[in-house]
Amino acid sequence: QGQFVKDQFHGKGTYNYANGDVFTGIWKNGHKNGKGKLETYDG
């Protein structure tokens, strides 16, 4: 859930993985790139 540019994750966004991990941060050309936070299912 977040920003897209030309069909790619680009800008601020949150990716919720099916395993319970959550990444919130900056994306560039479909990749995590910049400040971000990864919270894993195990805490």
PDB file of all heavy atoms in Angstrom:
ATOM      1  N   GLN A   1       0.865  -1.177   0.000  1.00  0.00           N
ATOM      2  CA  GLN A   1       0.000   0.000   0.000  1.00  0.00           C
ATOM      3  C   GLN A   1       0.900   1.223   0.000  1.00  0.00           C
ATOM      4  O   GLN A   1       1.740   1.391   0.889  1.00  0.00           O
ATOM      5  CB  GLN A   1      -0.889   0.019   1.237  1.00  0.00           C
ATOM      6  CG  GLN A   1      -1.838   1.191   1.266  1.00  0.00           C
ATOM      7  CD  GLN A   1      -2.847   1.103   2.404  1.00  0.00           C
ATOM      8  OE1 GLN A   1      -2.936   0.102   3.105  1.00  0.00           O
ATOM      9  NE2 GLN A   1      -3.597   2.155   2.598  1.00  0.00           N
ATOM     10  N   GLY A   2       0.759   2.048  -1.034  1.00  0.00           N
ATOM     11  CA  GLY A   2       1.591   3.235  -1.110  1.00  0.00           C
ATOM     12  C   GLY A   2       1.624   3.839  -2.492  1.00  0.00           C
ATOM     13  O   GLY A   2       0.683   3.695  -3.270  1.00  0.00           O
ATOM     14  N   GLN A   3       2.743   4.475  -2.787  1.00  0.00           N
ATOM     15  CA  GLN A   3       2.888   5.213  -4.032  1.00  0.00           C
ATOM     16  C   GLN A   3       3.465   4.334  -5.144  1.00  0.00           C
ATOM     17  O   GLN A   3       4.324   3.475  -4.893  1.00  0.00           O
ATOM     18  CB  GLN A   3       3.785   6.424  -3.817  1.00  0.00           C
ATOM     19  CG  GLN A   3       3.187   7.413  -2.825  1.00  0.00           C
ATOM     20  CD  GLN A   3       4.133   8.547  -2.479  1.00  0.00           C
ATOM     21  OE1 GLN A   3       5.296   8.332  -2.175  1.00  0.00           O
ATOM     22  NE2 GLN A   3       3.608   9.769  -2.527  1.00  0.00           N
ATOM     23  N   PHE A   4       2.977   4.594  -6.353  1.00  0.00           N
ATOM     24  CA  PHE A   4       3.451   3.907  -7.554  1.00  0.00           C
ATOM     25  C   PHE A   4       3.874   4.953  -8.583  1.00  0.00           C
ATOM     26  O   PHE A   4       3.261   6.021  -8.684  1.00  0.00           O
ATOM     27  CB  PHE A   4       2.333   3.093  -8.212  1.00  0.00           C
ATOM     28  CG  PHE A   4       1.852   1.926  -7.418  1.00  0.00           C
ATOM     29  CD1 PHE A   4       0.842   2.060  -6.484  1.00  0.00           C
ATOM     30  CD2 PHE A   4       2.394   0.662  -7.628  1.00  0.00           C
ATOM     31  CE1 PHE A   4       0.375   0.972  -5.767  1.00  0.00           C
ATOM     32  CE2 PHE A   4       1.940  -0.436  -6.913  1.00  0.00           C
ATOM     33  CZ  PHE A   4       0.924  -0.277  -5.986  1.00  0.00           C
ATOM     34  N   VAL A   5       4.900   4.637  -9.356  1.00  0.00           N
ATOM     35  CA  VAL A   5       5.287   5.413 -10.525  1.00  0.00           C
ATOM     36  C   VAL A   5       5.584   4.419 -11.636  1.00  0.00           C
ATOM     37  O   VAL A   5       6.435   3.533 -11.473  1.00  0.00           O
ATOM     38  CB  VAL A   5       6.516   6.312 -10.251  1.00  0.00           C
ATOM     39  CG1 VAL A   5       7.005   6.980 -11.526  1.00  0.00           C
ATOM     40  CG2 VAL A   5       6.179   7.379  -9.205  1.00  0.00           C
ATOM     41  N   LYS A   6       4.879   4.544 -12.732  1.00  0.00           N
ATOM     42  CA  LYS A   6       5.067   3.675 -13.897  1.00  0.00           C
ATOM     43  C   LYS A   6       5.076   2.199 -13.508  1.00  0.00           C
ATOM     44  O   LYS A   6       5.990   1.456 -13.839  1.00  0.00           O
ATOM     45  CB  LYS A   6       6.334   4.049 -14.650  1.00  0.00           C
ATOM     46  CG  LYS A   6       6.277   5.436 -15.244  1.00  0.00           C
ATOM     47  CD  LYS A   6       7.527   5.761 -16.026  1.00  0.00           C
ATOM     48  CE  LYS A   6       7.439   7.173 -16.577  1.00  0.00           C
ATOM     49  NZ  LYS A   6       8.674   7.554 -17.255  1.00  0.00           N
ATOM     50  N   ASP A   7       4.077   1.775 -12.754  1.00  0.00           N
ATOM     51  CA  ASP A   7       3.875   0.371 -12.363  1.00  0.00           C
ATOM     52  C   ASP A   7       4.864  -0.160 -11.323  1.00  0.00           C
ATOM     53  O   ASP A   7       4.910  -1.358 -11.079  1.00  0.00           O
ATOM     54  CB  ASP A   7       3.911  -0.551 -13.587  1.00  0.00           C
ATOM     55  CG  ASP A   7       2.532  -1.011 -13.998  1.00  0.00           C
ATOM     56  OD1 ASP A   7       1.553  -0.627 -13.341  1.00  0.00           O
ATOM     57  OD2 ASP A   7       2.434  -1.769 -14.960  1.00  0.00           O
ATOM     58  N   GLN A   8       5.673   0.700 -10.718  1.00  0.00           N
ATOM     59  CA  GLN A   8       6.639   0.241  -9.711  1.00  0.00           C
ATOM     60  C   GLN A   8       6.380   0.948  -8.388  1.00  0.00           C
ATOM     61  O   GLN A   8       5.905   2.079  -8.359  1.00  0.00           O
ATOM     62  CB  GLN A   8       8.065   0.510 -10.171  1.00  0.00           C
ATOM     63  CG  GLN A   8       8.456  -0.299 -11.377  1.00  0.00           C
ATOM     64  CD  GLN A   8       9.940  -0.181 -11.677  1.00  0.00           C
ATOM     65  OE1 GLN A   8      10.681   0.550 -11.013  1.00  0.00           O
ATOM     66  NE2 GLN A   8      10.399  -0.896 -12.670  1.00  0.00           N
ATOM     67  N   PHE A   9       6.731   0.265  -7.284  1.00  0.00           N
ATOM     68  CA  PHE A   9       6.673   0.901  -5.968  1.00  0.00           C
ATOM     69  C   PHE A   9       7.690   2.044  -6.012  1.00  0.00           C
ATOM     70  O   PHE A   9       8.862   1.824  -6.327  1.00  0.00           O
ATOM     71  CB  PHE A   9       7.072  -0.057  -4.852  1.00  0.00           C
ATOM     72  CG  PHE A   9       6.365  -1.389  -4.850  1.00  0.00           C
ATOM     73  CD1 PHE A   9       6.952  -2.481  -4.243  1.00  0.00           C
ATOM     74  CD2 PHE A   9       5.128  -1.560  -5.426  1.00  0.00           C
ATOM     75  CE1 PHE A   9       6.326  -3.711  -4.207  1.00  0.00           C
ATOM     76  CE2 PHE A   9       4.480  -2.787  -5.401  1.00  0.00           C
ATOM     77  CZ  PHE A   9       5.094  -3.866  -4.792  1.00  0.00           C
ATOM     78  N   HIS A  10       7.241   3.248  -5.704  1.00  0.00           N
ATOM     79  CA  HIS A  10       8.150   4.387  -5.789  1.00  0.00           C
ATOM     80  C   HIS A  10       7.597   5.504  -4.905  1.00  0.00           C
ATOM     81  O   HIS A  10       6.512   6.014  -5.152  1.00  0.00           O
ATOM     82  CB  HIS A  10       8.263   4.864  -7.240  1.00  0.00           C
ATOM     83  CG  HIS A  10       9.434   5.773  -7.479  1.00  0.00           C
ATOM     84  ND1 HIS A  10      10.651   5.295  -7.876  1.00  0.00           N
ATOM     85  CD2 HIS A  10       9.542   7.107  -7.369  1.00  0.00           C
ATOM     86  CE1 HIS A  10      11.485   6.311  -8.021  1.00  0.00           C
ATOM     87  NE2 HIS A  10      10.830   7.424  -7.710  1.00  0.00           N
ATOM     88  N   GLY A  11       8.327   5.845  -3.851  1.00  0.00           N
ATOM     89  CA  GLY A  11       7.875   6.832  -2.874  1.00  0.00           C
ATOM     90  C   GLY A  11       7.610   6.142  -1.549  1.00  0.00           C
ATOM     91  O   GLY A  11       8.216   5.116  -1.237  1.00  0.00           O
ATOM     92  N   LYS A  12       6.715   6.686  -0.764  1.00  0.00           N
ATOM     93  CA  LYS A  12       6.390   6.110   0.542  1.00  0.00           C
ATOM     94  C   LYS A  12       5.434   4.938   0.376  1.00  0.00           C
ATOM     95  O   LYS A  12       4.484   5.006  -0.395  1.00  0.00           O
ATOM     96  CB  LYS A  12       5.741   7.160   1.445  1.00  0.00           C
ATOM     97  CG  LYS A  12       6.648   8.297   1.814  1.00  0.00           C
ATOM     98  CD  LYS A  12       5.925   9.289   2.688  1.00  0.00           C
ATOM     99  CE  LYS A  12       6.825  10.476   3.005  1.00  0.00           C
ATOM    100  NZ  LYS A  12       6.111  11.480   3.807  1.00  0.00           N
ATOM    101  N   GLY A  13       5.715   3.862   1.129  1.00  0.00           N
ATOM    102  CA  GLY A  13       4.828   2.715   1.057  1.00  0.00           C
ATOM    103  C   GLY A  13       5.062   1.711   2.168  1.00  0.00           C
ATOM    104  O   GLY A  13       6.097   1.724   2.831  1.00  0.00           O
ATOM    105  N   THR A  14       4.081   0.846   2.342  1.00  0.00           N
ATOM    106  CA  THR A  14       4.142  -0.229   3.334  1.00  0.00           C
ATOM    107  C   THR A  14       3.888  -1.554   2.632  1.00  0.00           C
ATOM    108  O   THR A  14       2.928  -1.691   1.879  1.00  0.00           O
ATOM    109  CB  THR A  14       3.095  -0.019   4.436  1.00  0.00           C
ATOM    110  OG1 THR A  14       3.368   1.220   5.093  1.00  0.00           O
ATOM    111  CG2 THR A  14       3.125  -1.152   5.457  1.00  0.00           C
ATOM    112  N   TYR A  15       4.779  -2.507   2.898  1.00  0.00           N
ATOM    113  CA  TYR A  15       4.640  -3.850   2.317  1.00  0.00           C
ATOM    114  C   TYR A  15       4.419  -4.824   3.458  1.00  0.00           C
ATOM    115  O   TYR A  15       5.265  -4.968   4.343  1.00  0.00           O
ATOM    116  CB  TYR A  15       5.911  -4.222   1.547  1.00  0.00           C
ATOM    117  CG  TYR A  15       5.721  -5.393   0.617  1.00  0.00           C
ATOM    118  CD1 TYR A  15       5.584  -5.198  -0.746  1.00  0.00           C
ATOM    119  CD2 TYR A  15       5.687  -6.699   1.097  1.00  0.00           C
ATOM    120  CE1 TYR A  15       5.423  -6.269  -1.622  1.00  0.00           C
ATOM    121  CE2 TYR A  15       5.514  -7.771   0.251  1.00  0.00           C
ATOM    122  CZ  TYR A  15       5.390  -7.549  -1.114  1.00  0.00           C
ATOM    123  OH  TYR A  15       5.227  -8.613  -1.977  1.00  0.00           O
ATOM    124  N   ASN A  16       3.246  -5.456   3.460  1.00  0.00           N
ATOM    125  CA  ASN A  16       2.909  -6.472   4.456  1.00  0.00           C
ATOM    126  C   ASN A  16       3.145  -7.843   3.828  1.00  0.00           C
ATOM    127  O   ASN A  16       2.452  -8.204   2.868  1.00  0.00           O
ATOM    128  CB  ASN A  16       1.449  -6.342   4.878  1.00  0.00           C
ATOM    129  CG  ASN A  16       1.201  -5.097   5.676  1.00  0.00           C
ATOM    130  OD1 ASN A  16       1.460  -5.051   6.854  1.00  0.00           O
ATOM    131  ND2 ASN A  16       0.702  -4.060   5.020  1.00  0.00           N
ATOM    132  N   TYR A  17       4.115  -8.570   4.349  1.00  0.00           N
ATOM    133  CA  TYR A  17       4.413  -9.912   3.857  1.00  0.00           C
ATOM    134  C   TYR A  17       3.446 -10.919   4.471  1.00  0.00           C
ATOM    135  O   TYR A  17       3.020 -10.762   5.619  1.00  0.00           O
ATOM    136  CB  TYR A  17       5.853 -10.293   4.214  1.00  0.00           C
ATOM    137  CG  TYR A  17       6.880  -9.417   3.532  1.00  0.00           C
ATOM    138  CD1 TYR A  17       7.305  -8.230   4.119  1.00  0.00           C
ATOM    139  CD2 TYR A  17       7.416  -9.774   2.304  1.00  0.00           C
ATOM    140  CE1 TYR A  17       8.247  -7.422   3.493  1.00  0.00           C
ATOM    141  CE2 TYR A  17       8.371  -8.979   1.670  1.00  0.00           C
ATOM    142  CZ  TYR A  17       8.775  -7.808   2.274  1.00  0.00           C
ATOM    143  OH  TYR A  17       9.698  -7.002   1.648  1.00  0.00           O
ATOM    144  N   ALA A  18       3.131 -11.939   3.734  1.00  0.00           N
ATOM    145  CA  ALA A  18       2.206 -12.970   4.205  1.00  0.00           C
ATOM    146  C   ALA A  18       2.704 -13.643   5.485  1.00  0.00           C
ATOM    147  O   ALA A  18       1.905 -14.119   6.287  1.00  0.00           O
ATOM    148  CB  ALA A  18       1.980 -14.015   3.111  1.00  0.00           C
ATOM    149  N   ASN A  19       4.021 -13.663   5.701  1.00  0.00           N
ATOM    150  CA  ASN A  19       4.581 -14.313   6.893  1.00  0.00           C
ATOM    151  C   ASN A  19       4.480 -13.451   8.148  1.00  0.00           C
ATOM    152  O   ASN A  19       4.884 -13.868   9.223  1.00  0.00           O
ATOM    153  CB  ASN A  19       6.033 -14.716   6.657  1.00  0.00           C
ATOM    154  CG  ASN A  19       6.986 -13.538   6.572  1.00  0.00           C
ATOM    155  OD1 ASN A  19       6.576 -12.382   6.622  1.00  0.00           O
ATOM    156  ND2 ASN A  19       8.265 -13.815   6.428  1.00  0.00           N
ATOM    157  N   GLY A  20       3.950 -12.213   8.010  1.00  0.00           N
ATOM    158  CA  GLY A  20       3.788 -11.343   9.165  1.00  0.00           C
ATOM    159  C   GLY A  20       4.795 -10.208   9.238  1.00  0.00           C
ATOM    160  O   GLY A  20       4.636  -9.285  10.042  1.00  0.00           O
ATOM    161  N   ASP A  21       5.851 -10.234   8.430  1.00  0.00           N
ATOM    162  CA  ASP A  21       6.819  -9.135   8.383  1.00  0.00           C
ATOM    163  C   ASP A  21       6.155  -7.913   7.753  1.00  0.00           C
ATOM    164  O   ASP A  21       5.287  -8.043   6.888  1.00  0.00           O
ATOM    165  CB  ASP A  21       8.043  -9.494   7.548  1.00  0.00           C
ATOM    166  CG  ASP A  21       8.895 -10.611   8.143  1.00  0.00           C
ATOM    167  OD1 ASP A  21       8.631 -11.030   9.284  1.00  0.00           O
ATOM    168  OD2 ASP A  21       9.830 -11.057   7.451  1.00  0.00           O
ATOM    169  N   VAL A  22       6.598  -6.709   8.180  1.00  0.00           N
ATOM    170  CA  VAL A  22       6.072  -5.468   7.612  1.00  0.00           C
ATOM    171  C   VAL A  22       7.223  -4.505   7.378  1.00  0.00           C
ATOM    172  O   VAL A  22       7.994  -4.210   8.296  1.00  0.00           O
ATOM    173  CB  VAL A  22       5.042  -4.792   8.555  1.00  0.00           C
ATOM    174  CG1 VAL A  22       4.545  -3.483   7.964  1.00  0.00           C
ATOM    175  CG2 VAL A  22       3.891  -5.722   8.858  1.00  0.00           C
ATOM    176  N   PHE A  23       7.352  -4.011   6.145  1.00  0.00           N
ATOM    177  CA  PHE A  23       8.335  -2.968   5.834  1.00  0.00           C
ATOM    178  C   PHE A  23       7.585  -1.683   5.533  1.00  0.00           C
ATOM    179  O   PHE A  23       6.673  -1.651   4.700  1.00  0.00           O
ATOM    180  CB  PHE A  23       9.201  -3.324   4.623  1.00  0.00           C
ATOM    181  CG  PHE A  23      10.126  -2.193   4.232  1.00  0.00           C
ATOM    182  CD1 PHE A  23      11.300  -1.992   4.921  1.00  0.00           C
ATOM    183  CD2 PHE A  23       9.791  -1.311   3.221  1.00  0.00           C
ATOM    184  CE1 PHE A  23      12.144  -0.932   4.597  1.00  0.00           C
ATOM    185  CE2 PHE A  23      10.618  -0.253   2.885  1.00  0.00           C
ATOM    186  CZ  PHE A  23      11.802  -0.064   3.574  1.00  0.00           C
ATOM    187  N   THR A  24       7.982  -0.608   6.209  1.00  0.00           N
ATOM    188  CA  THR A  24       7.423   0.717   5.959  1.00  0.00           C
ATOM    189  C   THR A  24       8.579   1.653   5.670  1.00  0.00           C
ATOM    190  O   THR A  24       9.526   1.729   6.457  1.00  0.00           O
ATOM    191  CB  THR A  24       6.642   1.238   7.180  1.00  0.00           C
ATOM    192  OG1 THR A  24       5.601   0.313   7.481  1.00  0.00           O
ATOM    193  CG2 THR A  24       6.043   2.604   6.919  1.00  0.00           C
ATOM    194  N   GLY A  25       8.514   2.334   4.529  1.00  0.00           N
ATOM    195  CA  GLY A  25       9.595   3.239   4.199  1.00  0.00           C
ATOM    196  C   GLY A  25       9.533   3.735   2.771  1.00  0.00           C
ATOM    197  O   GLY A  25       8.469   3.787   2.152  1.00  0.00           O
ATOM    198  N   ILE A  26      10.704   4.068   2.268  1.00  0.00           N
ATOM    199  CA  ILE A  26      10.841   4.666   0.941  1.00  0.00           C
ATOM    200  C   ILE A  26      11.225   3.596  -0.075  1.00  0.00           C
ATOM    201  O   ILE A  26      12.077   2.739   0.188  1.00  0.00           O
ATOM    202  CB  ILE A  26      11.912   5.774   0.961  1.00  0.00           C
ATOM    203  CG1 ILE A  26      11.594   6.814   2.030  1.00  0.00           C
ATOM    204  CG2 ILE A  26      12.049   6.424  -0.410  1.00  0.00           C
ATOM    205  CD1 ILE A  26      10.275   7.535   1.849  1.00  0.00           C
ATOM    206  N   TRP A  27      10.588   3.678  -1.227  1.00  0.00           N
ATOM    207  CA  TRP A  27      10.827   2.758  -2.339  1.00  0.00           C
ATOM    208  C   TRP A  27      11.310   3.551  -3.538  1.00  0.00           C
ATOM    209  O   TRP A  27      10.917   4.703  -3.740  1.00  0.00           O
ATOM    210  CB  TRP A  27       9.539   2.037  -2.717  1.00  0.00           C
ATOM    211  CG  TRP A  27       8.990   1.192  -1.619  1.00  0.00           C
ATOM    212  CD1 TRP A  27       8.268   1.619  -0.547  1.00  0.00           C
ATOM    213  CD2 TRP A  27       9.131  -0.213  -1.472  1.00  0.00           C
ATOM    214  NE1 TRP A  27       7.943   0.550   0.256  1.00  0.00           N
ATOM    215  CE2 TRP A  27       8.457  -0.594  -0.297  1.00  0.00           C
ATOM    216  CE3 TRP A  27       9.746  -1.200  -2.236  1.00  0.00           C
ATOM    217  CZ2 TRP A  27       8.384  -1.905   0.144  1.00  0.00           C
ATOM    218  CZ3 TRP A  27       9.670  -2.506  -1.803  1.00  0.00           C
ATOM    219  CH2 TRP A  27       9.005  -2.855  -0.625  1.00  0.00           C
ATOM    220  N   LYS A  28      12.161   2.934  -4.343  1.00  0.00           N
ATOM    221  CA  LYS A  28      12.635   3.560  -5.579  1.00  0.00           C
ATOM    222  C   LYS A  28      12.728   2.485  -6.643  1.00  0.00           C
ATOM    223  O   LYS A  28      13.421   1.480  -6.454  1.00  0.00           O
ATOM    224  CB  LYS A  28      14.003   4.210  -5.360  1.00  0.00           C
ATOM    225  CG  LYS A  28      14.531   4.928  -6.578  1.00  0.00           C
ATOM    226  CD  LYS A  28      15.863   5.598  -6.264  1.00  0.00           C
ATOM    227  CE  LYS A  28      16.406   6.292  -7.501  1.00  0.00           C
ATOM    228  NZ  LYS A  28      17.736   6.851  -7.217  1.00  0.00           N
ATOM    229  N   ASN A  29      12.017   2.670  -7.733  1.00  0.00           N
ATOM    230  CA  ASN A  29      12.035   1.730  -8.856  1.00  0.00           C
ATOM    231  C   ASN A  29      11.754   0.288  -8.418  1.00  0.00           C
ATOM    232  O   ASN A  29      12.391  -0.652  -8.880  1.00  0.00           O
ATOM    233  CB  ASN A  29      13.360   1.813  -9.604  1.00  0.00           C
ATOM    234  CG  ASN A  29      13.592   3.188 -10.181  1.00  0.00           C
ATOM    235  OD1 ASN A  29      12.672   3.829 -10.663  1.00  0.00           O
ATOM    236  ND2 ASN A  29      14.821   3.675 -10.112  1.00  0.00           N
ATOM    237  N   GLY A  30      10.819   0.121  -7.487  1.00  0.00           N
ATOM    238  CA  GLY A  30      10.405  -1.205  -7.066  1.00  0.00           C
ATOM    239  C   GLY A  30      11.232  -1.839  -5.962  1.00  0.00           C
ATOM    240  O   GLY A  30      10.988  -2.984  -5.584  1.00  0.00           O
ATOM    241  N   HIS A  31      12.213  -1.101  -5.418  1.00  0.00           N
ATOM    242  CA  HIS A  31      13.090  -1.643  -4.368  1.00  0.00           C
ATOM    243  C   HIS A  31      13.073  -0.747  -3.140  1.00  0.00           C
ATOM    244  O   HIS A  31      12.907   0.465  -3.251  1.00  0.00           O
ATOM    245  CB  HIS A  31      14.544  -1.739  -4.865  1.00  0.00           C
ATOM    246  CG  HIS A  31      14.711  -2.630  -6.043  1.00  0.00           C
ATOM    247  ND1 HIS A  31      14.803  -3.995  -5.930  1.00  0.00           N
ATOM    248  CD2 HIS A  31      14.794  -2.357  -7.363  1.00  0.00           C
ATOM    249  CE1 HIS A  31      14.952  -4.528  -7.127  1.00  0.00           C
ATOM    250  NE2 HIS A  31      14.933  -3.550  -8.023  1.00  0.00           N
ATOM    251  N   LYS A  32      13.295  -1.353  -1.971  1.00  0.00           N
ATOM    252  CA  LYS A  32      13.471  -0.563  -0.745  1.00  0.00           C
ATOM    253  C   LYS A  32      14.708   0.298  -0.975  1.00  0.00           C
ATOM    254  O   LYS A  32      15.770  -0.216  -1.330  1.00  0.00           O
ATOM    255  CB  LYS A  32      13.693  -1.466   0.459  1.00  0.00           C
ATOM    256  CG  LYS A  32      12.554  -2.398   0.764  1.00  0.00           C
ATOM    257  CD  LYS A  32      12.943  -3.307   1.933  1.00  0.00           C
ATOM    258  CE  LYS A  32      12.097  -4.520   2.002  1.00  0.00           C
ATOM    259  NZ  LYS A  32      12.574  -5.614   1.144  1.00  0.00           N
ATOM    260  N   ASN A  33      14.577   1.604  -0.781  1.00  0.00           N
ATOM    261  CA  ASN A  33      15.708   2.473  -1.076  1.00  0.00           C
ATOM    262  C   ASN A  33      15.528   3.793  -0.344  1.00  0.00           C
ATOM    263  O   ASN A  33      14.801   4.660  -0.800  1.00  0.00           O
ATOM    264  CB  ASN A  33      15.812   2.704  -2.590  1.00  0.00           C
ATOM    265  CG  ASN A  33      17.192   3.094  -3.020  1.00  0.00           C
ATOM    266  OD1 ASN A  33      17.821   3.930  -2.399  1.00  0.00           O
ATOM    267  ND2 ASN A  33      17.664   2.486  -4.073  1.00  0.00           N
ATOM    268  N   GLY A  34      16.167   3.926   0.804  1.00  0.00           N
ATOM    269  CA  GLY A  34      16.037   5.115   1.643  1.00  0.00           C
ATOM    270  C   GLY A  34      15.691   4.708   3.052  1.00  0.00           C
ATOM    271  O   GLY A  34      15.867   3.559   3.454  1.00  0.00           O
ATOM    272  N   LYS A  35      15.208   5.661   3.828  1.00  0.00           N
ATOM    273  CA  LYS A  35      14.871   5.375   5.221  1.00  0.00           C
ATOM    274  C   LYS A  35      13.695   4.413   5.296  1.00  0.00           C
ATOM    275  O   LYS A  35      12.727   4.540   4.557  1.00  0.00           O
ATOM    276  CB  LYS A  35      14.526   6.657   5.956  1.00  0.00           C
ATOM    277  CG  LYS A  35      15.720   7.556   6.164  1.00  0.00           C
ATOM    278  CD  LYS A  35      15.364   8.761   6.973  1.00  0.00           C
ATOM    279  CE  LYS A  35      16.619   9.611   7.146  1.00  0.00           C
ATOM    280  NZ  LYS A  35      16.373  10.787   7.978  1.00  0.00           N
ATOM    281  N   GLY A  36      13.842   3.447   6.209  1.00  0.00           N
ATOM    282  CA  GLY A  36      12.768   2.485   6.360  1.00  0.00           C
ATOM    283  C   GLY A  36      12.863   1.697   7.648  1.00  0.00           C
ATOM    284  O   GLY A  36      13.857   1.763   8.374  1.00  0.00           O
ATOM    285  N   LYS A  37      11.795   0.937   7.897  1.00  0.00           N
ATOM    286  CA  LYS A  37      11.692   0.136   9.121  1.00  0.00           C
ATOM    287  C   LYS A  37      11.134  -1.224   8.734  1.00  0.00           C
ATOM    288  O   LYS A  37      10.091  -1.315   8.088  1.00  0.00           O
ATOM    289  CB  LYS A  37      10.764   0.854  10.094  1.00  0.00           C
ATOM    290  CG  LYS A  37      10.370   0.059  11.312  1.00  0.00           C
ATOM    291  CD  LYS A  37       9.518   0.870  12.269  1.00  0.00           C
ATOM    292  CE  LYS A  37       8.149   1.117  11.719  1.00  0.00           C
ATOM    293  NZ  LYS A  37       7.220   1.717  12.703  1.00  0.00           N
ATOM    294  N   LEU A  38      11.834  -2.279   9.137  1.00  0.00           N
ATOM    295  CA  LEU A  38      11.350  -3.643   8.931  1.00  0.00           C
ATOM    296  C   LEU A  38      11.063  -4.256  10.286  1.00  0.00           C
ATOM    297  O   LEU A  38      11.951  -4.381  11.126  1.00  0.00           O
ATOM    298  CB  LEU A  38      12.382  -4.492   8.185  1.00  0.00           C
ATOM    299  CG  LEU A  38      11.994  -5.958   7.981  1.00  0.00           C
ATOM    300  CD1 LEU A  38      10.782  -6.074   7.049  1.00  0.00           C
ATOM    301  CD2 LEU A  38      13.161  -6.745   7.426  1.00  0.00           C
ATOM    302  N   GLU A  39       9.794  -4.597  10.494  1.00  0.00           N
ATOM    303  CA  GLU A  39       9.366  -5.286  11.706  1.00  0.00           C
ATOM    304  C   GLU A  39       9.046  -6.718  11.308  1.00  0.00           C
ATOM    305  O   GLU A  39       8.212  -6.952  10.434  1.00  0.00           O
ATOM    306  CB  GLU A  39       8.122  -4.633  12.291  1.00  0.00           C
ATOM    307  CG  GLU A  39       8.333  -3.200  12.705  1.00  0.00           C
ATOM    308  CD  GLU A  39       7.047  -2.561  13.201  1.00  0.00           C
ATOM    309  OE1 GLU A  39       6.624  -2.883  14.334  1.00  0.00           O
ATOM    310  OE2 GLU A  39       6.470  -1.767  12.441  1.00  0.00           O
ATOM    311  N   THR A  40       9.725  -7.676  11.939  1.00  0.00           N
ATOM    312  CA  THR A  40       9.508  -9.069  11.581  1.00  0.00           C
ATOM    313  C   THR A  40       8.440  -9.697  12.465  1.00  0.00           C
ATOM    314  O   THR A  40       8.124  -9.191  13.542  1.00  0.00           O
ATOM    315  CB  THR A  40      10.811  -9.887  11.672  1.00  0.00           C
ATOM    316  OG1 THR A  40      11.263  -9.884  13.022  1.00  0.00           O
ATOM    317  CG2 THR A  40      11.880  -9.308  10.755  1.00  0.00           C
ATOM    318  N   TYR A  41       7.909 -10.806  11.999  1.00  0.00           N
ATOM    319  CA  TYR A  41       6.835 -11.503  12.713  1.00  0.00           C
ATOM    320  C   TYR A  41       7.235 -11.886  14.128  1.00  0.00           C
ATOM    321  O   TYR A  41       6.405 -11.994  15.010  1.00  0.00           O
ATOM    322  CB  TYR A  41       6.412 -12.748  11.934  1.00  0.00           C
ATOM    323  CG  TYR A  41       7.437 -13.856  11.954  1.00  0.00           C
ATOM    324  CD1 TYR A  41       7.385 -14.843  12.915  1.00  0.00           C
ATOM    325  CD2 TYR A  41       8.485 -13.877  11.035  1.00  0.00           C
ATOM    326  CE1 TYR A  41       8.338 -15.846  12.960  1.00  0.00           C
ATOM    327  CE2 TYR A  41       9.431 -14.870  11.071  1.00  0.00           C
ATOM    328  CZ  TYR A  41       9.361 -15.851  12.035  1.00  0.00           C
ATOM    329  OH  TYR A  41      10.313 -16.832  12.077  1.00  0.00           O
ATOM    330  N   ASP A  42       8.547 -12.066  14.370  1.00  0.00           N
ATOM    331  CA  ASP A  42       9.004 -12.475  15.706  1.00  0.00           C
ATOM    332  C   ASP A  42       9.336 -11.290  16.613  1.00  0.00           C
ATOM    333  O   ASP A  42       9.820 -11.466  17.720  1.00  0.00           O
ATOM    334  CB  ASP A  42      10.199 -13.421  15.599  1.00  0.00           C
ATOM    335  CG  ASP A  42      11.435 -12.778  14.996  1.00  0.00           C
ATOM    336  OD1 ASP A  42      11.406 -11.573  14.675  1.00  0.00           O
ATOM    337  OD2 ASP A  42      12.435 -13.489  14.822  1.00  0.00           O
ATOM    338  N   GLY A  43       9.083 -10.063  16.126  1.00  0.00           N
ATOM    339  CA  GLY A  43       9.265  -8.881  16.960  1.00  0.00           C
ATOM    340  C   GLY A  43      10.575  -8.147  16.781  1.00  0.00           C
ATOM    341  O   GLY A  43      10.771  -7.097  17.388  1.00  0.00           O
TER     342      GLY A  43
END
